[in-house]
Amino acid sequence: MGRATKNREFVAAIRRIIPDAEIELPEGFDPRGSGRVFELDPARIREDAGYQPEYDVERGVADYVA
């Protein structure tokens, strides 16, 4: 099952790669959103098409920065 990712997880991943990065993000998931947390479940696409995500936050940020 997918899971929600908080802003601070992205900030931490970026700072592991770029320690002096100046990043300011509000706490939480989506401060302007509905207040609800949606978790996406990739089970159906995995079952139907064999899709399996290759990137977590750490790997995605590292790849993007590279």
Protein backbone atom coordinates (compact mmCIF):
# COMPACT_ATOMS: atom_id res chain seq x y z
CA MET A 1 0.00 0.00 0.00
CA GLY A 2 1.19 3.51 -0.72
CA ARG A 3 1.74 5.98 2.04
CA ALA A 4 1.51 9.71 2.42
CA THR A 5 4.79 11.60 2.44
CA LYS A 6 5.19 14.67 4.62
CA ASN A 7 7.01 17.80 3.48
CA ARG A 8 9.69 17.26 6.14
CA GLU A 9 10.59 13.90 4.55
CA PHE A 10 11.35 15.64 1.26
CA VAL A 11 13.32 18.37 3.04
CA ALA A 12 15.37 15.75 4.94
CA ALA A 13 16.10 13.81 1.73
CA ILE A 14 17.21 16.98 -0.07
CA ARG A 15 19.43 18.05 2.83
CA ARG A 16 21.16 14.66 2.88
CA ILE A 17 22.27 15.37 -0.69
CA ILE A 18 22.63 19.16 -0.43
CA PRO A 19 23.35 19.88 3.26
CA ASP A 20 23.27 23.66 2.92
CA ALA A 21 20.01 23.76 0.92
CA GLU A 22 17.75 26.58 2.07
CA ILE A 23 14.28 25.08 2.05
CA GLU A 24 11.15 26.32 3.74
CA LEU A 25 8.06 24.16 3.46
CA PRO A 26 5.03 24.24 5.73
CA GLU A 27 4.50 21.25 8.03
CA GLY A 28 2.14 18.47 7.17
CA PHE A 29 1.05 17.08 3.83
CA ASP A 30 -0.88 19.84 2.09
CA PRO A 31 -1.46 22.92 4.24
CA ARG A 32 -3.95 24.36 1.73
CA GLY A 33 -5.71 21.07 1.19
CA SER A 34 -8.81 19.56 2.69
CA GLY A 35 -7.04 18.38 5.86
CA ARG A 36 -7.55 14.80 4.79
CA VAL A 37 -4.65 12.47 4.06
CA PHE A 38 -4.99 10.33 0.97
CA GLU A 39 -2.85 7.24 0.65
CA LEU A 40 -2.56 5.80 -2.81
CA ASP A 41 -2.60 2.04 -3.12
CA PRO A 42 -0.73 0.72 -6.16
CA ALA A 43 -2.14 -2.81 -5.70
CA ARG A 44 -4.57 -2.67 -8.62
CA ILE A 45 -2.07 -1.41 -11.18
CA ARG A 46 0.44 -3.97 -9.87
CA GLU A 47 -2.13 -6.74 -10.35
CA ASP A 48 -3.41 -5.48 -13.72
CA ALA A 49 -0.17 -4.36 -15.35
CA GLY A 50 2.66 -5.64 -13.19
CA TYR A 51 3.67 -2.09 -12.23
CA GLN A 52 5.99 -1.77 -9.23
CA PRO A 53 7.27 1.65 -8.13
CA GLU A 54 11.05 1.92 -8.39
CA TYR A 55 11.56 5.12 -6.43
CA ASP A 56 11.01 6.07 -2.82
CA VAL A 57 11.55 9.65 -1.61
CA GLU A 58 15.30 9.20 -1.06
CA ARG A 59 15.97 7.65 -4.46
CA GLY A 60 13.65 10.04 -6.29
CA VAL A 61 15.30 13.13 -4.82
CA ALA A 62 18.80 11.76 -5.47
CA ASP A 63 17.93 10.97 -9.08
CA TYR A 64 16.31 14.37 -9.63
CA VAL A 65 19.28 16.25 -8.13
CA ALA A 66 21.72 14.21 -10.23
